Amino acid sequence: MFLSTFSHYSMFHLFANMYVLHSFSNAGVLSLGKEQFLGVYLSAGVIASLSSIIYKTVTSKPGLSIGAVNFFYI
């Protein structure tokens, strides 16, 4: 679950994630500090990955969990 946080489906997916991270990272670091921000960031990634796995298990839908996003096979 930890490593899927850093997986990306495409270059657009990577770019969008980096843009959003850049948009709020300064405010997050200023309010929380570097260590707390990193902890929140990594914890959110693991929780999102776990949520994705639970959702796919409950709904019985196959697909990839990349960066906590579901990509379903048709």
N, C-alpha and C. Protein backbone atom coordinates (compact mmCIF):
# COMPACT_ATOMS: atom_id res chain seq x y z
N MET A 1 0.81 -1.19 0.00
CA MET A 1 0.00 0.00 0.00
C MET A 1 0.86 1.26 0.00
N PHE A 2 2.02 1.19 0.62
CA PHE A 2 2.89 2.36 0.68
C PHE A 2 3.45 2.70 -0.70
N LEU A 3 3.92 1.69 -1.42
CA LEU A 3 4.54 1.94 -2.72
C LEU A 3 3.54 2.34 -3.80
N SER A 4 2.29 1.89 -3.68
CA SER A 4 1.31 2.28 -4.69
C SER A 4 0.99 3.77 -4.60
N THR A 5 1.32 4.39 -3.48
CA THR A 5 1.14 5.84 -3.33
C THR A 5 2.00 6.59 -4.35
N PHE A 6 3.12 6.01 -4.72
CA PHE A 6 4.06 6.67 -5.64
C PHE A 6 3.96 6.16 -7.06
N SER A 7 2.99 5.28 -7.35
CA SER A 7 2.79 4.77 -8.70
C SER A 7 1.85 5.70 -9.46
N HIS A 8 2.08 5.83 -10.76
CA HIS A 8 1.26 6.71 -11.58
C HIS A 8 0.90 6.01 -12.87
N TYR A 9 -0.33 6.20 -13.30
CA TYR A 9 -0.86 5.54 -14.48
C TYR A 9 -0.32 6.13 -15.77
N SER A 10 -0.06 7.43 -15.76
CA SER A 10 0.42 8.10 -16.97
C SER A 10 1.21 9.34 -16.58
N MET A 11 1.80 9.99 -17.57
CA MET A 11 2.53 11.23 -17.29
C MET A 11 1.57 12.33 -16.84
N PHE A 12 0.35 12.35 -17.38
CA PHE A 12 -0.63 13.33 -16.94
C PHE A 12 -0.98 13.12 -15.47
N HIS A 13 -1.14 11.86 -15.05
CA HIS A 13 -1.42 11.53 -13.66
C HIS A 13 -0.29 12.04 -12.76
N LEU A 14 0.95 11.80 -13.16
CA LEU A 14 2.09 12.27 -12.39
C LEU A 14 2.12 13.79 -12.33
N PHE A 15 1.91 14.44 -13.48
CA PHE A 15 1.91 15.90 -13.52
C PHE A 15 0.82 16.50 -12.64
N ALA A 16 -0.39 15.94 -12.73
CA ALA A 16 -1.50 16.46 -11.92
C ALA A 16 -1.22 16.31 -10.43
N ASN A 17 -0.67 15.17 -10.04
CA ASN A 17 -0.35 14.96 -8.62
C ASN A 17 0.73 15.93 -8.15
N MET A 18 1.75 16.15 -8.96
CA MET A 18 2.82 17.06 -8.56
C MET A 18 2.33 18.50 -8.51
N TYR A 19 1.44 18.88 -9.41
CA TYR A 19 0.89 20.23 -9.41
C TYR A 19 0.07 20.47 -8.14
N VAL A 20 -0.78 19.52 -7.79
CA VAL A 20 -1.60 19.67 -6.59
C VAL A 20 -0.72 19.68 -5.35
N LEU A 21 0.27 18.80 -5.29
CA LEU A 21 1.18 18.78 -4.14
C LEU A 21 1.91 20.11 -4.01
N HIS A 22 2.39 20.65 -5.11
CA HIS A 22 3.08 21.93 -5.09
C HIS A 22 2.14 23.06 -4.64
N SER A 23 0.88 22.96 -5.01
CA SER A 23 -0.10 24.01 -4.69
C SER A 23 -0.33 24.16 -3.19
N PHE A 24 -0.35 23.04 -2.46
CA PHE A 24 -0.66 23.15 -1.03
C PHE A 24 0.49 22.79 -0.10
N SER A 25 1.63 22.38 -0.63
CA SER A 25 2.71 21.93 0.25
C SER A 25 3.32 23.05 1.09
N ASN A 26 3.49 24.24 0.53
CA ASN A 26 4.07 25.33 1.31
C ASN A 26 3.21 25.67 2.52
N ALA A 27 1.91 25.79 2.32
CA ALA A 27 1.01 26.10 3.43
C ALA A 27 1.01 24.97 4.45
N GLY A 28 1.05 23.73 3.98
CA GLY A 28 1.07 22.58 4.89
C GLY A 28 2.33 22.53 5.71
N VAL A 29 3.47 22.78 5.09
CA VAL A 29 4.74 22.77 5.81
C VAL A 29 4.81 23.91 6.81
N LEU A 30 4.31 25.08 6.41
CA LEU A 30 4.33 26.22 7.34
C LEU A 30 3.44 25.97 8.55
N SER A 31 2.29 25.35 8.37
CA SER A 31 1.39 25.15 9.50
C SER A 31 1.73 23.92 10.33
N LEU A 32 2.27 22.87 9.71
CA LEU A 32 2.55 21.63 10.44
C LEU A 32 4.02 21.41 10.75
N GLY A 33 4.90 21.93 9.94
CA GLY A 33 6.31 21.60 10.03
C GLY A 33 6.63 20.48 9.06
N LYS A 34 7.91 20.35 8.72
CA LYS A 34 8.31 19.37 7.69
C LYS A 34 7.97 17.93 8.08
N GLU A 35 8.30 17.55 9.31
CA GLU A 35 8.10 16.16 9.72
C GLU A 35 6.62 15.81 9.80
N GLN A 36 5.81 16.70 10.38
CA GLN A 36 4.38 16.43 10.50
C GLN A 36 3.71 16.41 9.12
N PHE A 37 4.12 17.31 8.23
CA PHE A 37 3.55 17.32 6.88
C PHE A 37 3.87 16.02 6.15
N LEU A 38 5.10 15.56 6.26
CA LEU A 38 5.49 14.31 5.63
C LEU A 38 4.68 13.15 6.21
N GLY A 39 4.49 13.15 7.51
CA GLY A 39 3.69 12.11 8.14
C GLY A 39 2.25 12.11 7.67
N VAL A 40 1.65 13.29 7.58
CA VAL A 40 0.27 13.40 7.10
C VAL A 40 0.19 12.96 5.63
N TYR A 41 1.15 13.39 4.82
CA TYR A 41 1.16 13.05 3.39
C TYR A 41 1.26 11.54 3.18
N LEU A 42 2.20 10.90 3.85
CA LEU A 42 2.38 9.45 3.69
C LEU A 42 1.21 8.68 4.28
N SER A 43 0.70 9.11 5.42
CA SER A 43 -0.46 8.44 6.02
C SER A 43 -1.69 8.55 5.13
N ALA A 44 -1.90 9.71 4.54
CA ALA A 44 -3.04 9.89 3.63
C ALA A 44 -2.91 8.96 2.43
N GLY A 45 -1.71 8.79 1.91
CA GLY A 45 -1.51 7.88 0.77
C GLY A 45 -1.81 6.44 1.13
N VAL A 46 -1.37 6.00 2.30
CA VAL A 46 -1.63 4.62 2.73
C VAL A 46 -3.12 4.41 3.00
N ILE A 47 -3.76 5.37 3.65
CA ILE A 47 -5.19 5.25 3.94
C ILE A 47 -6.00 5.26 2.63
N ALA A 48 -5.61 6.08 1.67
CA ALA A 48 -6.31 6.10 0.38
C ALA A 48 -6.12 4.78 -0.36
N SER A 49 -4.94 4.21 -0.30
CA SER A 49 -4.69 2.91 -0.94
C SER A 49 -5.51 1.82 -0.27
N LEU A 50 -5.56 1.84 1.05
CA LEU A 50 -6.36 0.86 1.78
C LEU A 50 -7.84 1.00 1.43
N SER A 51 -8.31 2.23 1.34
CA SER A 51 -9.71 2.47 0.97
C SER A 51 -10.00 1.94 -0.43
N SER A 52 -9.07 2.12 -1.34
CA SER A 52 -9.24 1.62 -2.70
C SER A 52 -9.33 0.10 -2.72
N ILE A 53 -8.48 -0.56 -1.95
CA ILE A 53 -8.50 -2.02 -1.88
C ILE A 53 -9.80 -2.52 -1.27
N ILE A 54 -10.25 -1.87 -0.21
CA ILE A 54 -11.50 -2.28 0.44
C ILE A 54 -12.67 -2.09 -0.52
N TYR A 55 -12.70 -0.96 -1.23
CA TYR A 55 -13.78 -0.69 -2.19
C TYR A 55 -13.80 -1.76 -3.27
N LYS A 56 -12.64 -2.09 -3.82
CA LYS A 56 -12.59 -3.10 -4.89
C LYS A 56 -13.00 -4.47 -4.36
N THR A 57 -12.66 -4.78 -3.12
CA THR A 57 -13.03 -6.06 -2.53
C THR A 57 -14.54 -6.14 -2.30
N VAL A 58 -15.11 -5.09 -1.76
CA VAL A 58 -16.54 -5.07 -1.46
C VAL A 58 -17.38 -5.11 -2.74
N THR A 59 -16.96 -4.38 -3.75
CA THR A 59 -17.73 -4.32 -5.00
C THR A 59 -17.36 -5.43 -5.98
N SER A 60 -16.33 -6.19 -5.69
CA SER A 60 -15.85 -7.28 -6.55
C SER A 60 -15.51 -6.80 -7.95
N LYS A 61 -14.95 -5.61 -8.06
CA LYS A 61 -14.55 -5.07 -9.36
C LYS A 61 -13.05 -5.25 -9.54
N PRO A 62 -12.63 -5.86 -10.66
CA PRO A 62 -11.20 -6.00 -10.92
C PRO A 62 -10.62 -4.67 -11.38
N GLY A 63 -9.34 -4.52 -11.25
CA GLY A 63 -8.69 -3.32 -11.76
C GLY A 63 -7.42 -3.02 -10.99
N LEU A 64 -6.79 -1.94 -11.37
CA LEU A 64 -5.54 -1.53 -10.77
C LEU A 64 -5.80 -0.48 -9.69
N SER A 65 -5.02 -0.55 -8.64
CA SER A 65 -5.02 0.52 -7.64
C SER A 65 -3.68 1.22 -7.78
N ILE A 66 -3.69 2.33 -8.47
CA ILE A 66 -2.45 3.08 -8.71
C ILE A 66 -2.64 4.46 -8.12
N GLY A 67 -1.82 4.78 -7.14
CA GLY A 67 -1.94 6.07 -6.51
C GLY A 67 -3.29 6.26 -5.85
N ALA A 68 -3.85 5.17 -5.37
CA ALA A 68 -5.14 5.17 -4.69
C ALA A 68 -6.29 5.52 -5.62
N VAL A 69 -6.08 5.38 -6.91
CA VAL A 69 -7.13 5.61 -7.89
C VAL A 69 -7.46 4.27 -8.53
N ASN A 70 -8.73 4.01 -8.72
CA ASN A 70 -9.15 2.75 -9.33
C ASN A 70 -9.20 2.87 -10.83
N PHE A 71 -8.58 1.96 -11.51
CA PHE A 71 -8.68 1.85 -12.97
C PHE A 71 -9.29 0.48 -13.25
N PHE A 72 -10.53 0.48 -13.74
CA PHE A 72 -11.26 -0.77 -13.94
C PHE A 72 -11.02 -1.32 -15.33
N TYR A 73 -10.96 -2.63 -15.40
CA TYR A 73 -10.87 -3.30 -16.69
C TYR A 73 -12.28 -3.45 -17.24
N ILE A 74 -12.41 -3.26 -18.53
CA ILE A 74 -13.73 -3.39 -19.17
C ILE A 74 -13.83 -4.77 -19.77
